[in-house]
Structure formats: structure tokens, C-alpha cells
């Protein structure tokens, strides 16, 4: 449900897409990586947000993810850089 899910702000404007989930050593999802901005992958930015901040909303039988931030908030946040096992 979460991977590749669209993320919306409180005004129901699309702000991004979940592109990855970060799991701790206990197997709990702690962060969601949300891709914001860009067109066809150019100019996009990945931002990690606390998983607990994502809420599931439902209407007319459809579920979607809501984050209490705007697209501009996410664009201003630090970019998420994925580390490979050789970088750890």
C-alpha cells in the first residue's frame, strides 16, 4: 500500500510519491522516502520523512497518504542520500 503511493497535503494537493521505506534493525518502518518535484525524473528530490507522520485517509472507497507538510516544505528539506553497504 505504501510503496509507490501518492502523498497529498492537508489541502488534498499531491506533493510526491513514496519511493522507498527505511526499516530499523527490528524490522519496523521508521522513515518513508518521498520523491518531490521534477518532471520525468529531472529535478526531482528525495526527502526522508518520519513514517509516523504519514496518515491514511479514505474517501469513496479509496485510500491515500496524507502528510501535514506542503510540497514547498519538502523542497526545502534536506535531500535524502541513499547509502550503499560499502558506504556504511
N, C-alpha and C. Protein backbone atom coordinates (compact mmCIF):
# COMPACT_ATOMS: atom_id res chain seq x y z
N UNK A 1 0.82 -1.21 0.00
CA UNK A 1 0.00 0.00 0.00
C UNK A 1 0.85 1.26 0.00
N UNK A 2 2.02 1.21 0.66
CA UNK A 2 2.79 2.44 0.81
C UNK A 2 3.78 2.69 -0.32
N UNK A 3 4.45 1.65 -0.80
CA UNK A 3 5.45 1.83 -1.85
C UNK A 3 4.78 2.29 -3.13
N UNK A 4 5.29 3.36 -3.72
CA UNK A 4 4.77 3.98 -4.94
C UNK A 4 3.42 4.68 -4.72
N UNK A 5 3.03 4.84 -3.46
CA UNK A 5 1.77 5.53 -3.16
C UNK A 5 1.96 7.04 -3.31
N UNK A 6 0.94 7.70 -3.78
CA UNK A 6 0.95 9.16 -3.89
C UNK A 6 0.72 9.75 -2.50
N UNK A 7 1.40 10.85 -2.23
CA UNK A 7 1.29 11.54 -0.95
C UNK A 7 0.68 12.91 -1.21
N UNK A 8 -0.28 13.28 -0.36
CA UNK A 8 -1.00 14.55 -0.51
C UNK A 8 -0.84 15.38 0.75
N UNK A 9 -1.00 16.70 0.62
CA UNK A 9 -1.00 17.56 1.79
C UNK A 9 -2.43 17.66 2.33
N UNK A 10 -2.61 18.45 3.39
CA UNK A 10 -3.94 18.57 4.00
C UNK A 10 -4.97 19.21 3.09
N UNK A 11 -4.52 19.95 2.07
CA UNK A 11 -5.44 20.58 1.11
C UNK A 11 -5.75 19.64 -0.05
N UNK A 12 -5.29 18.37 0.06
CA UNK A 12 -5.51 17.34 -0.96
C UNK A 12 -4.75 17.61 -2.26
N UNK A 13 -3.66 18.38 -2.17
CA UNK A 13 -2.78 18.59 -3.32
C UNK A 13 -1.69 17.53 -3.28
N UNK A 14 -1.40 16.93 -4.43
CA UNK A 14 -0.35 15.91 -4.50
C UNK A 14 1.00 16.57 -4.26
N UNK A 15 1.78 15.98 -3.34
CA UNK A 15 3.09 16.55 -3.05
C UNK A 15 4.24 15.61 -3.40
N UNK A 16 3.95 14.35 -3.66
CA UNK A 16 5.03 13.44 -4.01
C UNK A 16 4.58 11.99 -4.06
N UNK A 17 5.58 11.11 -4.18
CA UNK A 17 5.35 9.67 -4.27
C UNK A 17 6.35 8.97 -3.35
N UNK A 18 5.89 7.96 -2.62
CA UNK A 18 6.79 7.17 -1.78
C UNK A 18 7.65 6.30 -2.69
N UNK A 19 8.97 6.48 -2.61
CA UNK A 19 9.88 5.72 -3.46
C UNK A 19 10.67 4.67 -2.69
N UNK A 20 10.65 4.75 -1.36
CA UNK A 20 11.38 3.77 -0.57
C UNK A 20 10.90 3.85 0.87
N UNK A 21 11.12 2.78 1.61
CA UNK A 21 10.83 2.73 3.04
C UNK A 21 12.10 2.35 3.76
N UNK A 22 12.37 2.98 4.90
CA UNK A 22 13.56 2.69 5.68
C UNK A 22 13.13 1.91 6.91
N UNK A 23 13.80 0.77 7.11
CA UNK A 23 13.44 -0.16 8.18
C UNK A 23 14.58 -0.21 9.19
N UNK A 24 14.24 -0.24 10.49
CA UNK A 24 15.28 -0.34 11.51
C UNK A 24 15.67 -1.81 11.71
N UNK A 25 16.60 -2.05 12.63
CA UNK A 25 17.10 -3.41 12.88
C UNK A 25 16.03 -4.35 13.40
N UNK A 26 14.95 -3.81 13.96
CA UNK A 26 13.85 -4.63 14.47
C UNK A 26 12.82 -4.95 13.40
N UNK A 27 12.99 -4.40 12.21
CA UNK A 27 12.04 -4.64 11.13
C UNK A 27 10.89 -3.65 11.08
N UNK A 28 10.97 -2.60 11.89
CA UNK A 28 9.92 -1.57 11.89
C UNK A 28 10.24 -0.48 10.88
N UNK A 29 9.24 -0.06 10.13
CA UNK A 29 9.42 1.04 9.18
C UNK A 29 9.53 2.33 9.99
N UNK A 30 10.62 3.07 9.80
CA UNK A 30 10.83 4.30 10.56
C UNK A 30 10.71 5.56 9.71
N UNK A 31 11.06 5.45 8.42
CA UNK A 31 11.04 6.61 7.54
C UNK A 31 10.47 6.20 6.18
N UNK A 32 9.86 7.17 5.52
CA UNK A 32 9.42 6.98 4.13
C UNK A 32 10.19 7.98 3.28
N UNK A 33 10.70 7.53 2.17
CA UNK A 33 11.39 8.42 1.24
C UNK A 33 10.35 8.88 0.22
N UNK A 34 10.14 10.19 0.15
CA UNK A 34 9.15 10.78 -0.74
C UNK A 34 9.88 11.56 -1.82
N UNK A 35 9.56 11.27 -3.06
CA UNK A 35 10.13 11.98 -4.20
C UNK A 35 9.23 13.17 -4.52
N UNK A 36 9.82 14.37 -4.54
CA UNK A 36 9.05 15.59 -4.81
C UNK A 36 9.66 16.35 -5.99
N UNK A 37 8.81 17.07 -6.67
CA UNK A 37 9.25 17.93 -7.76
C UNK A 37 9.69 17.15 -8.98
N UNK A 38 10.22 17.87 -9.91
CA UNK A 38 10.76 17.26 -11.11
C UNK A 38 9.71 16.93 -12.15
N UNK A 39 10.20 16.68 -13.34
CA UNK A 39 9.36 16.28 -14.45
C UNK A 39 10.07 15.15 -15.17
N UNK A 40 9.43 14.00 -15.21
CA UNK A 40 10.02 12.81 -15.82
C UNK A 40 11.37 12.47 -15.20
N UNK A 41 11.46 12.65 -13.87
CA UNK A 41 12.68 12.30 -13.16
C UNK A 41 13.75 13.38 -13.13
N UNK A 42 13.58 14.46 -13.90
CA UNK A 42 14.57 15.53 -13.94
C UNK A 42 14.19 16.58 -12.89
N UNK A 43 15.13 16.91 -12.02
CA UNK A 43 14.87 17.92 -11.00
C UNK A 43 14.15 17.40 -9.78
N UNK A 44 13.97 16.10 -9.70
CA UNK A 44 13.27 15.56 -8.53
C UNK A 44 14.22 15.50 -7.35
N UNK A 45 13.63 15.44 -6.17
CA UNK A 45 14.40 15.40 -4.94
C UNK A 45 13.75 14.38 -4.02
N UNK A 46 14.57 13.52 -3.42
CA UNK A 46 14.06 12.56 -2.45
C UNK A 46 14.26 13.14 -1.06
N UNK A 47 13.21 13.04 -0.23
CA UNK A 47 13.23 13.55 1.13
C UNK A 47 12.74 12.44 2.05
N UNK A 48 13.45 12.21 3.16
CA UNK A 48 13.01 11.22 4.14
C UNK A 48 12.11 11.91 5.17
N UNK A 49 10.94 11.33 5.40
CA UNK A 49 10.01 11.86 6.40
C UNK A 49 9.70 10.74 7.39
N UNK A 50 9.47 11.09 8.66
CA UNK A 50 9.11 10.06 9.63
C UNK A 50 7.85 9.31 9.19
N UNK A 51 7.93 7.99 9.22
CA UNK A 51 6.81 7.17 8.78
C UNK A 51 5.56 7.46 9.61
N UNK A 52 5.76 7.75 10.90
CA UNK A 52 4.62 8.01 11.78
C UNK A 52 3.86 9.28 11.39
N UNK A 53 4.49 10.15 10.59
CA UNK A 53 3.83 11.39 10.16
C UNK A 53 2.88 11.18 8.98
N UNK A 54 2.96 10.01 8.33
CA UNK A 54 2.04 9.72 7.22
C UNK A 54 0.73 9.17 7.78
N UNK A 55 -0.36 9.71 7.31
CA UNK A 55 -1.68 9.25 7.74
C UNK A 55 -2.42 8.68 6.53
N UNK A 56 -3.21 7.66 6.76
CA UNK A 56 -4.03 7.09 5.69
C UNK A 56 -5.40 7.75 5.75
N UNK A 57 -5.83 8.32 4.65
CA UNK A 57 -7.16 8.93 4.55
C UNK A 57 -7.98 8.12 3.56
N UNK A 58 -9.27 8.10 3.76
CA UNK A 58 -10.17 7.35 2.87
C UNK A 58 -11.34 8.21 2.47
N UNK A 59 -11.73 8.04 1.21
CA UNK A 59 -12.93 8.70 0.72
C UNK A 59 -13.42 7.92 -0.49
N UNK A 60 -14.70 7.68 -0.55
CA UNK A 60 -15.32 6.98 -1.67
C UNK A 60 -14.63 5.65 -1.96
N UNK A 61 -14.22 4.96 -0.90
CA UNK A 61 -13.60 3.66 -1.06
C UNK A 61 -12.15 3.68 -1.50
N UNK A 62 -11.55 4.86 -1.59
CA UNK A 62 -10.14 4.97 -1.99
C UNK A 62 -9.31 5.44 -0.80
N UNK A 63 -8.12 4.86 -0.68
CA UNK A 63 -7.19 5.26 0.37
C UNK A 63 -6.02 6.03 -0.24
N UNK A 64 -5.49 6.98 0.49
CA UNK A 64 -4.30 7.69 0.06
C UNK A 64 -3.54 8.16 1.30
N UNK A 65 -2.31 8.58 1.09
CA UNK A 65 -1.46 9.03 2.20
C UNK A 65 -1.48 10.55 2.29
N UNK A 66 -1.55 11.03 3.53
CA UNK A 66 -1.57 12.47 3.79
C UNK A 66 -0.41 12.81 4.72
N UNK A 67 0.29 13.88 4.40
CA UNK A 67 1.39 14.37 5.21
C UNK A 67 1.09 15.82 5.58
N UNK A 68 1.29 16.17 6.83
CA UNK A 68 0.99 17.51 7.31
C UNK A 68 2.13 18.48 6.95
N UNK A 69 2.52 18.47 5.66
CA UNK A 69 3.52 19.38 5.13
C UNK A 69 3.12 19.71 3.70
N UNK A 70 3.67 20.78 3.17
CA UNK A 70 3.39 21.14 1.79
C UNK A 70 4.53 20.68 0.89
N UNK A 71 4.31 20.74 -0.41
CA UNK A 71 5.37 20.42 -1.36
C UNK A 71 6.56 21.35 -1.15
N UNK A 72 6.29 22.63 -0.87
CA UNK A 72 7.37 23.59 -0.64
C UNK A 72 8.17 23.23 0.61
N UNK A 73 7.47 22.75 1.67
CA UNK A 73 8.18 22.30 2.88
C UNK A 73 9.17 21.19 2.52
N UNK A 74 8.72 20.23 1.73
CA UNK A 74 9.58 19.11 1.36
C UNK A 74 10.72 19.55 0.45
N UNK A 75 10.44 20.50 -0.44
CA UNK A 75 11.51 21.00 -1.32
C UNK A 75 12.60 21.70 -0.53
N UNK A 76 12.24 22.29 0.61
CA UNK A 76 13.21 23.00 1.46
C UNK A 76 13.96 22.04 2.39
N UNK A 77 13.45 20.84 2.58
CA UNK A 77 14.07 19.87 3.48
C UNK A 77 15.36 19.32 2.87
N UNK A 78 16.25 18.81 3.72
CA UNK A 78 17.48 18.22 3.19
C UNK A 78 17.17 17.02 2.30
N UNK A 79 17.94 16.86 1.25
CA UNK A 79 17.77 15.73 0.34
C UNK A 79 18.22 14.45 1.02
N UNK A 80 17.52 13.37 0.73
CA UNK A 80 17.90 12.05 1.23
C UNK A 80 18.89 11.42 0.27
N UNK A 81 20.01 10.99 0.81
CA UNK A 81 21.03 10.32 0.01
C UNK A 81 21.10 8.87 0.46
N UNK A 82 20.79 7.96 -0.43
CA UNK A 82 20.81 6.54 -0.10
C UNK A 82 22.26 6.07 0.00
N UNK A 83 22.56 5.36 1.09
CA UNK A 83 23.90 4.82 1.29
C UNK A 83 23.92 3.35 0.89
N UNK A 84 24.96 2.96 0.22
CA UNK A 84 25.13 1.55 -0.12
C UNK A 84 25.86 0.87 1.03
N UNK A 85 25.86 -0.44 1.05
CA UNK A 85 26.51 -1.17 2.14
C UNK A 85 28.01 -0.85 2.20
N UNK A 86 28.63 -0.51 1.09
CA UNK A 86 30.06 -0.18 1.10
C UNK A 86 30.32 1.19 1.73
N UNK A 87 29.27 2.03 1.86
CA UNK A 87 29.42 3.35 2.46
C UNK A 87 29.15 3.34 3.95
N UNK A 88 28.67 2.22 4.47
CA UNK A 88 28.29 2.16 5.89
C UNK A 88 29.45 1.70 6.74
